[in-house]
Amino acid sequence: MKLKEKYQKEIAPKLKEEFNHSNSLSVPRLDKVTLNVGVGRFSKDKAHLEMVVQTLRNITGQNPIQTKARKSIASFKVREGSIVGVTVTLRGQKMYDFIEKLVNISLPRVRDFRGLSPKIIDKQGNGTIGIKESIAFPEIKADELEKIHGLEICISTTASNKEEGLALLKLLGFPFKKE
């Protein structure tokens, strides 16, 4: 069963009952997934920047945008308008497909993975996962990369608090540690 169907048929009714929501539209759901990669000191290296863009394009199936610095910071040697990162925002069916791939394929491939900490959920119920090596995704071949880079995955939900966000992500299949 696809993740979106599973959410609509099983997860949403369970969350509605658990948190006593009177309206089905107030039940927490996924809003968007954002993938970010900071290029840091390699911002001047066009080959590295193109490799990062290609990596995100392979992982998400969507063309990423390059984010630019809003103002100059001398201590970080950053000029206004210079490229500081690459980002992709997923919504709709692509978002559900990515979450399914992340939970079932990529997270188990992360080296020394023992589950996610519940601390990744913030007060608004959104989760942020940092992955040190992008080679955990099956689309990326380690021998094709010159430099291995990490990425940050931000999962935005419509949950109103941490408990609802944690319950939603657990029911979606995210492997959380017991604390």
C-alpha atoms as a PDB file:
ATOM      1  CA  MET A   1       0.000   0.000   0.000  1.00  0.00           C
ATOM      2  CA  LYS A   2       1.312   3.446  -0.900  1.00  0.00           C
ATOM      3  CA  LEU A   3       2.124   5.787   1.974  1.00  0.00           C
ATOM      4  CA  LYS A   4      -0.489   8.383   0.984  1.00  0.00           C
ATOM      5  CA  GLU A   5      -3.247   5.755   0.937  1.00  0.00           C
ATOM      6  CA  LYS A   6      -2.009   4.348   4.235  1.00  0.00           C
ATOM      7  CA  TYR A   7      -2.163   7.848   5.757  1.00  0.00           C
ATOM      8  CA  GLN A   8      -5.720   8.454   4.543  1.00  0.00           C
ATOM      9  CA  LYS A   9      -7.120   5.024   5.497  1.00  0.00           C
ATOM     10  CA  GLU A  10      -5.212   4.101   8.680  1.00  0.00           C
ATOM     11  CA  ILE A  11      -3.051   6.867  10.142  1.00  0.00           C
ATOM     12  CA  ALA A  12      -5.458   9.849   9.985  1.00  0.00           C
ATOM     13  CA  PRO A  13      -8.343   8.033  11.742  1.00  0.00           C
ATOM     14  CA  LYS A  14      -5.934   6.752  14.406  1.00  0.00           C
ATOM     15  CA  LEU A  15      -4.553  10.267  15.040  1.00  0.00           C
ATOM     16  CA  LYS A  16      -8.073  11.753  15.052  1.00  0.00           C
ATOM     17  CA  GLU A  17      -9.130   9.304  17.755  1.00  0.00           C
ATOM     18  CA  GLU A  18      -5.905   9.557  19.781  1.00  0.00           C
ATOM     19  CA  PHE A  19      -5.854  13.368  20.001  1.00  0.00           C
ATOM     20  CA  ASN A  20      -9.662  13.862  20.032  1.00  0.00           C
ATOM     21  CA  HIS A  21      -9.885  16.022  16.918  1.00  0.00           C
ATOM     22  CA  SER A  22     -13.480  16.840  16.032  1.00  0.00           C
ATOM     23  CA  ASN A  23     -12.650  17.910  12.490  1.00  0.00           C
ATOM     24  CA  SER A  24     -10.716  15.656  10.107  1.00  0.00           C
ATOM     25  CA  LEU A  25      -8.921  18.703   8.663  1.00  0.00           C
ATOM     26  CA  SER A  26      -7.316  19.415  12.051  1.00  0.00           C
ATOM     27  CA  VAL A  27      -5.562  16.028  12.078  1.00  0.00           C
ATOM     28  CA  PRO A  28      -1.775  16.441  11.626  1.00  0.00           C
ATOM     29  CA  ARG A  29      -0.427  15.629   8.167  1.00  0.00           C
ATOM     30  CA  LEU A  30       2.727  16.116   6.133  1.00  0.00           C
ATOM     31  CA  ASP A  31       3.024  19.590   4.641  1.00  0.00           C
ATOM     32  CA  LYS A  32       6.360  19.527   2.779  1.00  0.00           C
ATOM     33  CA  VAL A  33       9.839  18.028   2.815  1.00  0.00           C
ATOM     34  CA  THR A  34      12.869  20.242   2.230  1.00  0.00           C
ATOM     35  CA  LEU A  35      16.354  18.940   1.445  1.00  0.00           C
ATOM     36  CA  ASN A  36      19.286  21.315   2.031  1.00  0.00           C
ATOM     37  CA  VAL A  37      22.994  21.041   1.322  1.00  0.00           C
ATOM     38  CA  GLY A  38      25.392  23.781   2.405  1.00  0.00           C
ATOM     39  CA  VAL A  39      28.387  24.171   0.110  1.00  0.00           C
ATOM     40  CA  GLY A  40      30.475  26.083   2.660  1.00  0.00           C
ATOM     41  CA  ARG A  41      34.097  26.556   1.679  1.00  0.00           C
ATOM     42  CA  PHE A  42      33.503  24.906  -1.721  1.00  0.00           C
ATOM     43  CA  SER A  43      31.234  27.730  -2.931  1.00  0.00           C
ATOM     44  CA  LYS A  44      33.884  28.911  -5.429  1.00  0.00           C
ATOM     45  CA  ASP A  45      34.437  25.388  -6.789  1.00  0.00           C
ATOM     46  CA  LYS A  46      32.021  25.051  -9.737  1.00  0.00           C
ATOM     47  CA  ALA A  47      32.663  21.299 -10.126  1.00  0.00           C
ATOM     48  CA  HIS A  48      31.725  20.605  -6.483  1.00  0.00           C
ATOM     49  CA  LEU A  49      28.635  22.817  -6.764  1.00  0.00           C
ATOM     50  CA  GLU A  50      27.504  21.003  -9.923  1.00  0.00           C
ATOM     51  CA  MET A  51      28.090  17.632  -8.207  1.00  0.00           C
ATOM     52  CA  VAL A  52      25.891  18.698  -5.255  1.00  0.00           C
ATOM     53  CA  VAL A  53      23.155  19.885  -7.637  1.00  0.00           C
ATOM     54  CA  GLN A  54      23.323  16.603  -9.567  1.00  0.00           C
ATOM     55  CA  THR A  55      23.184  14.579  -6.333  1.00  0.00           C
ATOM     56  CA  LEU A  56      20.019  16.359  -5.146  1.00  0.00           C
ATOM     57  CA  ARG A  57      18.505  16.049  -8.616  1.00  0.00           C
ATOM     58  CA  ASN A  58      19.126  12.271  -8.569  1.00  0.00           C
ATOM     59  CA  ILE A  59      17.738  11.840  -5.045  1.00  0.00           C
ATOM     60  CA  THR A  60      14.549  13.877  -5.500  1.00  0.00           C
ATOM     61  CA  GLY A  61      13.824  13.829  -9.220  1.00  0.00           C
ATOM     62  CA  GLN A  62      13.434  17.603  -9.097  1.00  0.00           C
ATOM     63  CA  ASN A  63      15.762  20.425 -10.105  1.00  0.00           C
ATOM     64  CA  PRO A  64      17.234  22.140  -6.993  1.00  0.00           C
ATOM     65  CA  ILE A  65      17.705  25.875  -6.583  1.00  0.00           C
ATOM     66  CA  GLN A  66      20.910  27.527  -5.451  1.00  0.00           C
ATOM     67  CA  THR A  67      20.531  29.759  -2.407  1.00  0.00           C
ATOM     68  CA  LYS A  68      22.558  32.949  -2.193  1.00  0.00           C
ATOM     69  CA  ALA A  69      23.878  34.903   0.776  1.00  0.00           C
ATOM     70  CA  ARG A  70      21.647  37.842   1.722  1.00  0.00           C
ATOM     71  CA  LYS A  71      24.480  39.857   3.199  1.00  0.00           C
ATOM     72  CA  SER A  72      28.264  39.797   3.425  1.00  0.00           C
ATOM     73  CA  ILE A  73      29.938  38.285   6.485  1.00  0.00           C
ATOM     74  CA  ALA A  74      33.669  39.023   6.581  1.00  0.00           C
ATOM     75  CA  SER A  75      34.573  36.444   9.250  1.00  0.00           C
ATOM     76  CA  PHE A  76      33.110  33.638   7.094  1.00  0.00           C
ATOM     77  CA  LYS A  77      34.523  35.120   3.842  1.00  0.00           C
ATOM     78  CA  VAL A  78      31.008  35.286   2.386  1.00  0.00           C
ATOM     79  CA  ARG A  79      30.028  37.998  -0.072  1.00  0.00           C
ATOM     80  CA  GLU A  80      26.483  39.141  -0.672  1.00  0.00           C
ATOM     81  CA  GLY A  81      25.013  37.181  -3.588  1.00  0.00           C
ATOM     82  CA  SER A  82      27.519  34.305  -3.429  1.00  0.00           C
ATOM     83  CA  ILE A  83      26.093  30.777  -3.465  1.00  0.00           C
ATOM     84  CA  VAL A  84      25.947  29.229   0.029  1.00  0.00           C
ATOM     85  CA  GLY A  85      23.690  26.221  -0.477  1.00  0.00           C
ATOM     86  CA  VAL A  86      21.402  24.135  -2.624  1.00  0.00           C
ATOM     87  CA  THR A  87      17.804  23.296  -1.699  1.00  0.00           C
ATOM     88  CA  VAL A  88      14.796  21.321  -2.957  1.00  0.00           C
ATOM     89  CA  THR A  89      11.212  21.419  -1.650  1.00  0.00           C
ATOM     90  CA  LEU A  90       8.970  18.400  -2.225  1.00  0.00           C
ATOM     91  CA  ARG A  91       5.180  18.436  -1.935  1.00  0.00           C
ATOM     92  CA  GLY A  92       2.338  16.126  -2.928  1.00  0.00           C
ATOM     93  CA  GLN A  93       3.019  12.661  -4.319  1.00  0.00           C
ATOM     94  CA  LYS A  94       6.790  13.252  -4.696  1.00  0.00           C
ATOM     95  CA  MET A  95       6.929  14.058  -0.970  1.00  0.00           C
ATOM     96  CA  TYR A  96       5.171  10.812   0.000  1.00  0.00           C
ATOM     97  CA  ASP A  97       7.377   8.783  -2.382  1.00  0.00           C
ATOM     98  CA  PHE A  98      10.513  10.383  -0.900  1.00  0.00           C
ATOM     99  CA  ILE A  99       9.390   9.708   2.707  1.00  0.00           C
ATOM    100  CA  GLU A 100       8.672   6.084   1.810  1.00  0.00           C
ATOM    101  CA  LYS A 101      12.132   5.715   0.222  1.00  0.00           C
ATOM    102  CA  LEU A 102      13.801   7.472   3.170  1.00  0.00           C
ATOM    103  CA  VAL A 103      12.181   5.250   5.820  1.00  0.00           C
ATOM    104  CA  ASN A 104      12.381   1.903   4.021  1.00  0.00           C
ATOM    105  CA  ILE A 105      15.638   2.132   2.067  1.00  0.00           C
ATOM    106  CA  SER A 106      17.915   5.057   2.951  1.00  0.00           C
ATOM    107  CA  LEU A 107      17.828   5.208   6.763  1.00  0.00           C
ATOM    108  CA  PRO A 108      18.667   1.487   7.132  1.00  0.00           C
ATOM    109  CA  ARG A 109      21.662   2.067   4.815  1.00  0.00           C
ATOM    110  CA  VAL A 110      23.125   4.803   7.050  1.00  0.00           C
ATOM    111  CA  ARG A 111      26.290   3.614   8.742  1.00  0.00           C
ATOM    112  CA  ASP A 112      25.862   2.782  12.480  1.00  0.00           C
ATOM    113  CA  PHE A 113      22.167   3.654  12.400  1.00  0.00           C
ATOM    114  CA  ARG A 114      20.333   2.744  15.607  1.00  0.00           C
ATOM    115  CA  GLY A 115      17.174   4.785  15.202  1.00  0.00           C
ATOM    116  CA  LEU A 116      16.241   8.463  15.271  1.00  0.00           C
ATOM    117  CA  SER A 117      16.186  10.442  18.474  1.00  0.00           C
ATOM    118  CA  PRO A 118      12.786  11.916  19.424  1.00  0.00           C
ATOM    119  CA  LYS A 119      14.706  15.182  19.924  1.00  0.00           C
ATOM    120  CA  ILE A 120      14.640  15.780  16.154  1.00  0.00           C
ATOM    121  CA  ILE A 121      11.032  16.980  16.589  1.00  0.00           C
ATOM    122  CA  ASP A 122      10.687  20.669  17.496  1.00  0.00           C
ATOM    123  CA  LYS A 123       7.905  22.367  19.491  1.00  0.00           C
ATOM    124  CA  GLN A 124       5.739  22.825  16.386  1.00  0.00           C
ATOM    125  CA  GLY A 125       5.903  19.126  15.452  1.00  0.00           C
ATOM    126  CA  ASN A 126       8.372  19.429  12.553  1.00  0.00           C
ATOM    127  CA  GLY A 127      11.339  17.085  12.228  1.00  0.00           C
ATOM    128  CA  THR A 128      14.895  17.665  11.002  1.00  0.00           C
ATOM    129  CA  ILE A 129      17.250  14.826  10.106  1.00  0.00           C
ATOM    130  CA  GLY A 130      20.926  15.336   9.269  1.00  0.00           C
ATOM    131  CA  ILE A 131      22.628  12.698   7.151  1.00  0.00           C
ATOM    132  CA  LYS A 132      26.436  12.842   7.030  1.00  0.00           C
ATOM    133  CA  GLU A 133      26.839  10.895   3.791  1.00  0.00           C
ATOM    134  CA  SER A 134      24.531  11.214   0.801  1.00  0.00           C
ATOM    135  CA  ILE A 135      25.595   7.744  -0.383  1.00  0.00           C
ATOM    136  CA  ALA A 136      22.864   6.278   1.859  1.00  0.00           C
ATOM    137  CA  PHE A 137      20.468   6.920  -1.024  1.00  0.00           C
ATOM    138  CA  PRO A 138      20.419   4.148  -3.655  1.00  0.00           C
ATOM    139  CA  GLU A 139      20.579   6.618  -6.587  1.00  0.00           C
ATOM    140  CA  ILE A 140      24.037   7.804  -5.540  1.00  0.00           C
ATOM    141  CA  LYS A 141      27.079   5.724  -6.449  1.00  0.00           C
ATOM    142  CA  ALA A 142      30.013   6.286  -4.071  1.00  0.00           C
ATOM    143  CA  ASP A 143      32.651   5.785  -6.775  1.00  0.00           C
ATOM    144  CA  GLU A 144      31.119   8.538  -8.960  1.00  0.00           C
ATOM    145  CA  LEU A 145      31.451  11.206  -6.233  1.00  0.00           C
ATOM    146  CA  GLU A 146      34.647  13.199  -5.823  1.00  0.00           C
ATOM    147  CA  LYS A 147      33.747  14.452  -2.346  1.00  0.00           C
ATOM    148  CA  ILE A 148      31.104  12.902  -0.116  1.00  0.00           C
ATOM    149  CA  HIS A 149      28.774  15.504   1.376  1.00  0.00           C
ATOM    150  CA  GLY A 150      25.909  15.410   3.840  1.00  0.00           C
ATOM    151  CA  LEU A 151      22.421  16.804   3.648  1.00  0.00           C
ATOM    152  CA  GLU A 152      19.656  18.002   5.916  1.00  0.00           C
ATOM    153  CA  ILE A 153      16.074  16.804   5.569  1.00  0.00           C
ATOM    154  CA  CYS A 154      13.356  19.014   7.096  1.00  0.00           C
ATOM    155  CA  ILE A 155       9.932  17.401   7.421  1.00  0.00           C
ATOM    156  CA  SER A 156       7.230  20.036   7.927  1.00  0.00           C
ATOM    157  CA  THR A 157       3.907  18.911   9.371  1.00  0.00           C
ATOM    158  CA  THR A 158       0.658  20.614  10.303  1.00  0.00           C
ATOM    159  CA  ALA A 159       0.928  19.256  13.870  1.00  0.00           C
ATOM    160  CA  SER A 160       0.288  21.794  16.614  1.00  0.00           C
ATOM    161  CA  ASN A 161       2.765  20.389  19.147  1.00  0.00           C
ATOM    162  CA  LYS A 162       5.662  17.971  19.606  1.00  0.00           C
ATOM    163  CA  GLU A 163       3.514  15.022  20.725  1.00  0.00           C
ATOM    164  CA  GLU A 164       1.293  15.145  17.618  1.00  0.00           C
ATOM    165  CA  GLY A 165       4.313  15.478  15.321  1.00  0.00           C
ATOM    166  CA  LEU A 166       6.077  12.543  16.971  1.00  0.00           C
ATOM    167  CA  ALA A 167       2.946  10.371  16.769  1.00  0.00           C
ATOM    168  CA  LEU A 168       2.493  11.223  13.077  1.00  0.00           C
ATOM    169  CA  LEU A 169       6.089  10.379  12.169  1.00  0.00           C
ATOM    170  CA  LYS A 170       5.990   7.138  14.195  1.00  0.00           C
ATOM    171  CA  LEU A 171       2.836   6.028  12.394  1.00  0.00           C
ATOM    172  CA  LEU A 172       4.441   6.909   9.044  1.00  0.00           C
ATOM    173  CA  GLY A 173       7.152   4.386   9.888  1.00  0.00           C
ATOM    174  CA  PHE A 174      10.061   6.492  11.123  1.00  0.00           C
ATOM    175  CA  PRO A 175      12.283   4.353  13.392  1.00  0.00           C
ATOM    176  CA  PHE A 176      12.597   6.218  16.701  1.00  0.00           C
ATOM    177  CA  LYS A 177      14.778   5.127  19.630  1.00  0.00           C
ATOM    178  CA  LYS A 178      13.175   4.505  22.991  1.00  0.00           C
ATOM    179  CA  GLU A 179      14.270   7.152  25.518  1.00  0.00           C
END
